[in-house]
Amino acid sequence: MRDSSGYLVNINGVIKCSNNNFSDTLLSKTEIIGEDTLFVLTYQMEESLNPIIVPAGEFEAINFKGTVVMPKDHPGIQNPRFMNNYYADGVGKIIDTYFFLSSSFINEKRLVRYNIEN
């Protein structure tokens, strides 16, 4: 869904993408347990300099990029870390990366195929 400002939002109104705001932090979350801050997550839009290639094809895309900062360093885990959500106009999300805080592995979902109804 799109809201009145043109942002792509989920059913709860949380911004998932913007094709015209590349300067503001669009989403921010701080995870605190007790008195410990586990991480701070912020999302901003980022333009892709090159086409993004996935099994479904090659696309010009924009990235709803999440930056995760953990106040304490953990051996073997990069800090900060990034979650990339690439969106192609007229298609939608084509790449989604995510990870678990305790793991150095990055998981990635790529668009394999799509169909656009006329």
N, C-alpha and C. Protein backbone atom coordinates (compact mmCIF):
# COMPACT_ATOMS: atom_id res chain seq x y z
N MET A 1 0.83 -1.18 0.00
CA MET A 1 0.00 0.00 0.00
C MET A 1 0.88 1.24 0.00
N ARG A 2 0.35 2.31 -0.53
CA ARG A 2 1.04 3.60 -0.48
C ARG A 2 0.23 4.54 0.42
N ASP A 3 0.96 5.33 1.22
CA ASP A 3 0.26 6.30 2.04
C ASP A 3 0.12 7.62 1.28
N SER A 4 -0.43 8.64 1.92
CA SER A 4 -0.69 9.91 1.24
C SER A 4 0.58 10.66 0.85
N SER A 5 1.73 10.30 1.44
CA SER A 5 3.01 10.93 1.08
C SER A 5 3.74 10.16 0.00
N GLY A 6 3.16 9.03 -0.45
CA GLY A 6 3.79 8.24 -1.49
C GLY A 6 4.71 7.15 -0.98
N TYR A 7 4.80 6.98 0.34
CA TYR A 7 5.63 5.91 0.90
C TYR A 7 4.93 4.57 0.74
N LEU A 8 5.71 3.54 0.46
CA LEU A 8 5.20 2.18 0.47
C LEU A 8 5.17 1.75 1.93
N VAL A 9 4.00 1.36 2.43
CA VAL A 9 3.85 1.02 3.84
C VAL A 9 3.23 -0.37 3.98
N ASN A 10 3.46 -0.99 5.15
CA ASN A 10 2.81 -2.27 5.41
C ASN A 10 1.43 -2.03 6.00
N ILE A 11 0.76 -3.08 6.38
CA ILE A 11 -0.62 -2.99 6.87
C ILE A 11 -0.72 -2.16 8.16
N ASN A 12 0.40 -2.05 8.91
CA ASN A 12 0.42 -1.27 10.15
C ASN A 12 0.87 0.17 9.93
N GLY A 13 1.11 0.55 8.67
CA GLY A 13 1.53 1.91 8.37
C GLY A 13 3.02 2.15 8.51
N VAL A 14 3.80 1.08 8.71
CA VAL A 14 5.25 1.20 8.84
C VAL A 14 5.86 1.37 7.45
N ILE A 15 6.70 2.38 7.28
CA ILE A 15 7.32 2.66 5.98
C ILE A 15 8.26 1.53 5.59
N LYS A 16 8.13 1.05 4.35
CA LYS A 16 8.98 0.00 3.81
C LYS A 16 9.81 0.49 2.64
N CYS A 17 9.47 1.63 2.05
CA CYS A 17 10.20 2.13 0.89
C CYS A 17 9.69 3.52 0.52
N SER A 18 10.60 4.32 -0.03
CA SER A 18 10.23 5.64 -0.56
C SER A 18 11.00 5.86 -1.84
N ASN A 19 10.34 6.37 -2.86
CA ASN A 19 11.06 6.63 -4.10
C ASN A 19 11.45 8.10 -4.24
N ASN A 20 11.21 8.90 -3.17
CA ASN A 20 11.54 10.32 -3.28
C ASN A 20 12.20 10.93 -2.04
N ASN A 21 12.45 10.16 -1.00
CA ASN A 21 13.08 10.70 0.21
C ASN A 21 14.37 9.92 0.48
N PHE A 22 15.49 10.50 0.06
CA PHE A 22 16.77 9.85 0.23
C PHE A 22 17.64 10.52 1.29
N SER A 23 17.05 11.39 2.10
CA SER A 23 17.84 12.11 3.10
C SER A 23 17.43 11.80 4.54
N ASP A 24 16.16 11.51 4.78
CA ASP A 24 15.68 11.31 6.15
C ASP A 24 15.83 9.86 6.59
N THR A 25 15.95 9.67 7.91
CA THR A 25 15.81 8.35 8.50
C THR A 25 14.32 8.04 8.50
N LEU A 26 13.93 6.96 7.81
CA LEU A 26 12.51 6.65 7.64
C LEU A 26 11.97 5.73 8.73
N LEU A 27 12.86 5.00 9.38
CA LEU A 27 12.44 4.07 10.43
C LEU A 27 13.60 3.90 11.40
N SER A 28 13.30 3.85 12.68
CA SER A 28 14.34 3.68 13.69
C SER A 28 13.80 2.80 14.81
N LYS A 29 14.66 1.92 15.30
CA LYS A 29 14.26 1.04 16.40
C LYS A 29 15.46 0.81 17.30
N THR A 30 15.25 0.93 18.60
CA THR A 30 16.29 0.62 19.58
C THR A 30 15.78 -0.54 20.42
N GLU A 31 16.56 -1.61 20.48
CA GLU A 31 16.18 -2.80 21.25
C GLU A 31 16.92 -2.79 22.57
N ILE A 32 16.16 -2.70 23.66
CA ILE A 32 16.73 -2.64 25.01
C ILE A 32 16.14 -3.77 25.83
N ILE A 33 17.02 -4.50 26.53
CA ILE A 33 16.58 -5.52 27.47
C ILE A 33 17.18 -5.16 28.82
N GLY A 34 16.32 -4.95 29.80
CA GLY A 34 16.79 -4.48 31.10
C GLY A 34 17.39 -3.11 30.92
N GLU A 35 18.67 -2.99 31.26
CA GLU A 35 19.38 -1.73 31.06
C GLU A 35 20.40 -1.82 29.94
N ASP A 36 20.38 -2.91 29.18
CA ASP A 36 21.33 -3.11 28.10
C ASP A 36 20.71 -2.80 26.74
N THR A 37 21.37 -1.97 25.96
CA THR A 37 20.96 -1.73 24.58
C THR A 37 21.60 -2.80 23.72
N LEU A 38 20.77 -3.62 23.07
CA LEU A 38 21.30 -4.68 22.20
C LEU A 38 21.73 -4.13 20.86
N PHE A 39 20.88 -3.27 20.27
CA PHE A 39 21.21 -2.69 18.98
C PHE A 39 20.34 -1.48 18.70
N VAL A 40 20.81 -0.67 17.76
CA VAL A 40 20.03 0.44 17.22
C VAL A 40 19.95 0.19 15.72
N LEU A 41 18.74 0.19 15.19
CA LEU A 41 18.49 -0.07 13.77
C LEU A 41 17.86 1.17 13.15
N THR A 42 18.45 1.65 12.06
CA THR A 42 17.88 2.79 11.33
C THR A 42 17.81 2.44 9.85
N TYR A 43 16.79 2.96 9.19
CA TYR A 43 16.61 2.73 7.75
C TYR A 43 16.59 4.06 7.01
N GLN A 44 17.32 4.09 5.89
CA GLN A 44 17.29 5.22 4.96
C GLN A 44 17.27 4.67 3.55
N MET A 45 16.74 5.45 2.64
CA MET A 45 16.76 5.07 1.23
C MET A 45 18.13 5.38 0.65
N GLU A 46 18.55 4.52 -0.29
CA GLU A 46 19.84 4.68 -0.96
C GLU A 46 19.65 4.33 -2.43
N GLU A 47 20.19 5.18 -3.30
CA GLU A 47 20.12 4.89 -4.73
C GLU A 47 21.20 3.88 -5.08
N SER A 48 20.87 2.96 -5.97
CA SER A 48 21.84 1.98 -6.44
C SER A 48 22.56 2.56 -7.66
N LEU A 49 23.88 2.47 -7.66
CA LEU A 49 24.67 3.01 -8.77
C LEU A 49 24.64 2.11 -9.99
N ASN A 50 24.44 0.82 -9.77
CA ASN A 50 24.44 -0.16 -10.85
C ASN A 50 23.14 -0.95 -10.85
N PRO A 51 22.77 -1.52 -11.99
CA PRO A 51 21.59 -2.39 -12.02
C PRO A 51 21.79 -3.58 -11.08
N ILE A 52 20.70 -4.05 -10.50
CA ILE A 52 20.73 -5.20 -9.60
C ILE A 52 20.31 -6.43 -10.41
N ILE A 53 21.11 -7.48 -10.33
CA ILE A 53 20.84 -8.71 -11.09
C ILE A 53 20.37 -9.79 -10.13
N VAL A 54 19.21 -10.35 -10.42
CA VAL A 54 18.64 -11.47 -9.68
C VAL A 54 18.18 -12.50 -10.70
N PRO A 55 17.82 -13.72 -10.28
CA PRO A 55 17.38 -14.72 -11.25
C PRO A 55 16.22 -14.26 -12.14
N ALA A 56 15.38 -13.35 -11.65
CA ALA A 56 14.24 -12.86 -12.44
C ALA A 56 14.64 -11.82 -13.48
N GLY A 57 15.89 -11.33 -13.44
CA GLY A 57 16.32 -10.35 -14.42
C GLY A 57 17.23 -9.28 -13.84
N GLU A 58 17.41 -8.23 -14.61
CA GLU A 58 18.26 -7.10 -14.23
C GLU A 58 17.38 -5.87 -14.06
N PHE A 59 17.55 -5.17 -12.94
CA PHE A 59 16.65 -4.07 -12.60
C PHE A 59 17.39 -2.85 -12.09
N GLU A 60 16.88 -1.66 -12.44
CA GLU A 60 17.27 -0.43 -11.76
C GLU A 60 16.50 -0.46 -10.45
N ALA A 61 17.17 -0.22 -9.34
CA ALA A 61 16.51 -0.39 -8.05
C ALA A 61 16.97 0.67 -7.05
N ILE A 62 16.17 0.81 -6.00
CA ILE A 62 16.52 1.63 -4.85
C ILE A 62 16.56 0.72 -3.64
N ASN A 63 17.35 1.11 -2.63
CA ASN A 63 17.59 0.26 -1.47
C ASN A 63 17.04 0.92 -0.21
N PHE A 64 16.13 0.22 0.46
CA PHE A 64 15.68 0.61 1.80
C PHE A 64 16.69 -0.05 2.74
N LYS A 65 17.77 0.69 3.05
CA LYS A 65 18.94 0.12 3.72
C LYS A 65 18.86 0.28 5.22
N GLY A 66 18.94 -0.85 5.91
CA GLY A 66 18.95 -0.85 7.36
C GLY A 66 20.38 -0.92 7.88
N THR A 67 20.70 -0.07 8.84
CA THR A 67 22.01 -0.09 9.49
C THR A 67 21.82 -0.50 10.93
N VAL A 68 22.48 -1.59 11.32
CA VAL A 68 22.38 -2.11 12.68
C VAL A 68 23.69 -1.83 13.40
N VAL A 69 23.61 -1.08 14.49
CA VAL A 69 24.79 -0.79 15.30
C VAL A 69 24.59 -1.42 16.66
N MET A 70 25.57 -2.23 17.07
CA MET A 70 25.55 -2.84 18.40
C MET A 70 26.56 -2.09 19.27
N PRO A 71 26.15 -1.60 20.44
CA PRO A 71 27.06 -0.82 21.27
C PRO A 71 28.28 -1.62 21.75
N LYS A 72 28.14 -2.93 21.82
CA LYS A 72 29.26 -3.78 22.24
C LYS A 72 29.71 -4.60 21.03
N ASP A 73 31.02 -4.64 20.81
CA ASP A 73 31.55 -5.47 19.73
C ASP A 73 31.51 -6.93 20.13
N HIS A 74 31.29 -7.79 19.14
CA HIS A 74 31.27 -9.23 19.34
C HIS A 74 32.28 -9.85 18.39
N PRO A 75 33.17 -10.71 18.88
CA PRO A 75 34.21 -11.30 18.03
C PRO A 75 33.62 -11.99 16.80
N GLY A 76 34.18 -11.67 15.64
CA GLY A 76 33.76 -12.31 14.39
C GLY A 76 32.51 -11.73 13.76
N ILE A 77 31.91 -10.72 14.39
CA ILE A 77 30.69 -10.13 13.84
C ILE A 77 30.95 -8.66 13.51
N GLN A 78 30.71 -8.32 12.25
CA GLN A 78 30.93 -6.96 11.76
C GLN A 78 30.00 -5.98 12.48
N ASN A 79 30.50 -4.79 12.75
CA ASN A 79 29.70 -3.77 13.41
C ASN A 79 30.09 -2.41 12.85
N PRO A 80 29.24 -1.67 12.17
CA PRO A 80 27.82 -1.94 11.94
C PRO A 80 27.60 -3.01 10.87
N ARG A 81 26.35 -3.46 10.79
CA ARG A 81 25.92 -4.42 9.78
C ARG A 81 24.77 -3.80 9.00
N PHE A 82 24.54 -4.35 7.80
CA PHE A 82 23.55 -3.73 6.92
C PHE A 82 22.54 -4.75 6.42
N MET A 83 21.29 -4.31 6.36
CA MET A 83 20.20 -5.10 5.77
C MET A 83 19.73 -4.36 4.53
N ASN A 84 19.82 -5.01 3.39
CA ASN A 84 19.46 -4.39 2.12
C ASN A 84 18.11 -4.90 1.64
N ASN A 85 17.26 -3.98 1.25
CA ASN A 85 15.94 -4.29 0.71
C ASN A 85 15.81 -3.52 -0.60
N TYR A 86 16.14 -4.18 -1.71
CA TYR A 86 16.12 -3.52 -3.02
C TYR A 86 14.73 -3.63 -3.64
N TYR A 87 14.24 -2.50 -4.13
CA TYR A 87 12.93 -2.43 -4.77
C TYR A 87 13.10 -1.91 -6.20
N ALA A 88 12.43 -2.58 -7.14
CA ALA A 88 12.41 -2.14 -8.54
C ALA A 88 11.03 -1.59 -8.86
N ASP A 89 10.99 -0.46 -9.55
CA ASP A 89 9.74 0.19 -9.91
C ASP A 89 8.88 -0.74 -10.75
N GLY A 90 7.62 -0.88 -10.38
CA GLY A 90 6.69 -1.71 -11.13
C GLY A 90 6.79 -3.19 -10.83
N VAL A 91 7.79 -3.59 -10.03
CA VAL A 91 8.00 -5.01 -9.71
C VAL A 91 7.85 -5.25 -8.22
N GLY A 92 8.50 -4.42 -7.41
CA GLY A 92 8.49 -4.59 -5.96
C GLY A 92 9.84 -5.02 -5.44
N LYS A 93 9.84 -5.72 -4.31
CA LYS A 93 11.10 -6.12 -3.68
C LYS A 93 11.77 -7.21 -4.51
N ILE A 94 13.07 -7.00 -4.81
CA ILE A 94 13.80 -7.98 -5.61
C ILE A 94 14.93 -8.64 -4.81
N ILE A 95 15.41 -7.99 -3.76
CA ILE A 95 16.41 -8.58 -2.86
C ILE A 95 16.06 -8.17 -1.44
N ASP A 96 16.23 -9.13 -0.52
CA ASP A 96 16.01 -8.90 0.90
C ASP A 96 17.13 -9.62 1.64
N THR A 97 17.96 -8.88 2.39
CA THR A 97 18.99 -9.53 3.20
C THR A 97 18.65 -9.35 4.67
N TYR A 98 18.98 -10.37 5.45
CA TYR A 98 18.73 -10.32 6.89
C TYR A 98 19.72 -11.22 7.60
N PHE A 99 19.82 -11.07 8.90
CA PHE A 99 20.76 -11.86 9.70
C PHE A 99 20.27 -11.93 11.13
N PHE A 100 20.90 -12.81 11.89
CA PHE A 100 20.67 -12.89 13.32
C PHE A 100 21.85 -12.20 14.00
N LEU A 101 21.60 -11.46 15.05
CA LEU A 101 22.66 -10.69 15.71
C LEU A 101 23.82 -11.56 16.15
N SER A 102 23.54 -12.77 16.58
CA SER A 102 24.58 -13.64 17.13
C SER A 102 25.35 -14.42 16.07
N SER A 103 25.03 -14.22 14.80
CA SER A 103 25.66 -14.98 13.72
C SER A 103 26.32 -14.04 12.72
N SER A 104 27.45 -14.47 12.17
CA SER A 104 28.13 -13.67 11.15
C SER A 104 27.56 -13.93 9.76
N PHE A 105 26.69 -14.93 9.62
CA PHE A 105 26.10 -15.27 8.32
C PHE A 105 25.02 -14.26 7.93
N ILE A 106 24.98 -13.95 6.64
CA ILE A 106 23.95 -13.07 6.10
C ILE A 106 23.07 -13.90 5.17
N ASN A 107 21.78 -13.88 5.40
CA ASN A 107 20.82 -14.59 4.57
C ASN A 107 20.30 -13.63 3.51
N GLU A 108 20.01 -14.17 2.32
CA GLU A 108 19.54 -13.31 1.24
C GLU A 108 18.43 -14.01 0.47
N LYS A 109 17.36 -13.27 0.23
CA LYS A 109 16.28 -13.74 -0.63
C LYS A 109 16.33 -12.92 -1.91
N ARG A 110 16.24 -13.62 -3.06
CA ARG A 110 16.28 -12.95 -4.37
C ARG A 110 15.04 -13.33 -5.16
N LEU A 111 14.51 -12.37 -5.91
CA LEU A 111 13.35 -12.62 -6.76
C LEU A 111 13.73 -13.59 -7.87
N VAL A 112 12.99 -14.68 -7.97
CA VAL A 112 13.26 -15.71 -8.98
C VAL A 112 12.40 -15.47 -10.22
N ARG A 113 11.14 -15.13 -10.02
CA ARG A 113 10.24 -14.85 -11.14
C ARG A 113 9.10 -13.96 -10.64
N TYR A 114 8.40 -13.35 -11.59
CA TYR A 114 7.27 -12.50 -11.25
C TYR A 114 6.34 -12.41 -12.45
N ASN A 115 5.12 -11.99 -12.18
CA ASN A 115 4.12 -11.83 -13.22
C ASN A 115 3.35 -10.55 -12.92
N ILE A 116 3.24 -9.68 -13.92
CA ILE A 116 2.48 -8.44 -13.75
C ILE A 116 1.22 -8.55 -14.60
N GLU A 117 0.07 -8.46 -13.93
CA GLU A 117 -1.22 -8.52 -14.62
C GLU A 117 -1.45 -7.23 -15.38
N ASN A 118 -2.02 -7.31 -16.57
CA ASN A 118 -2.35 -6.11 -17.35
C ASN A 118 -3.64 -5.51 -16.89
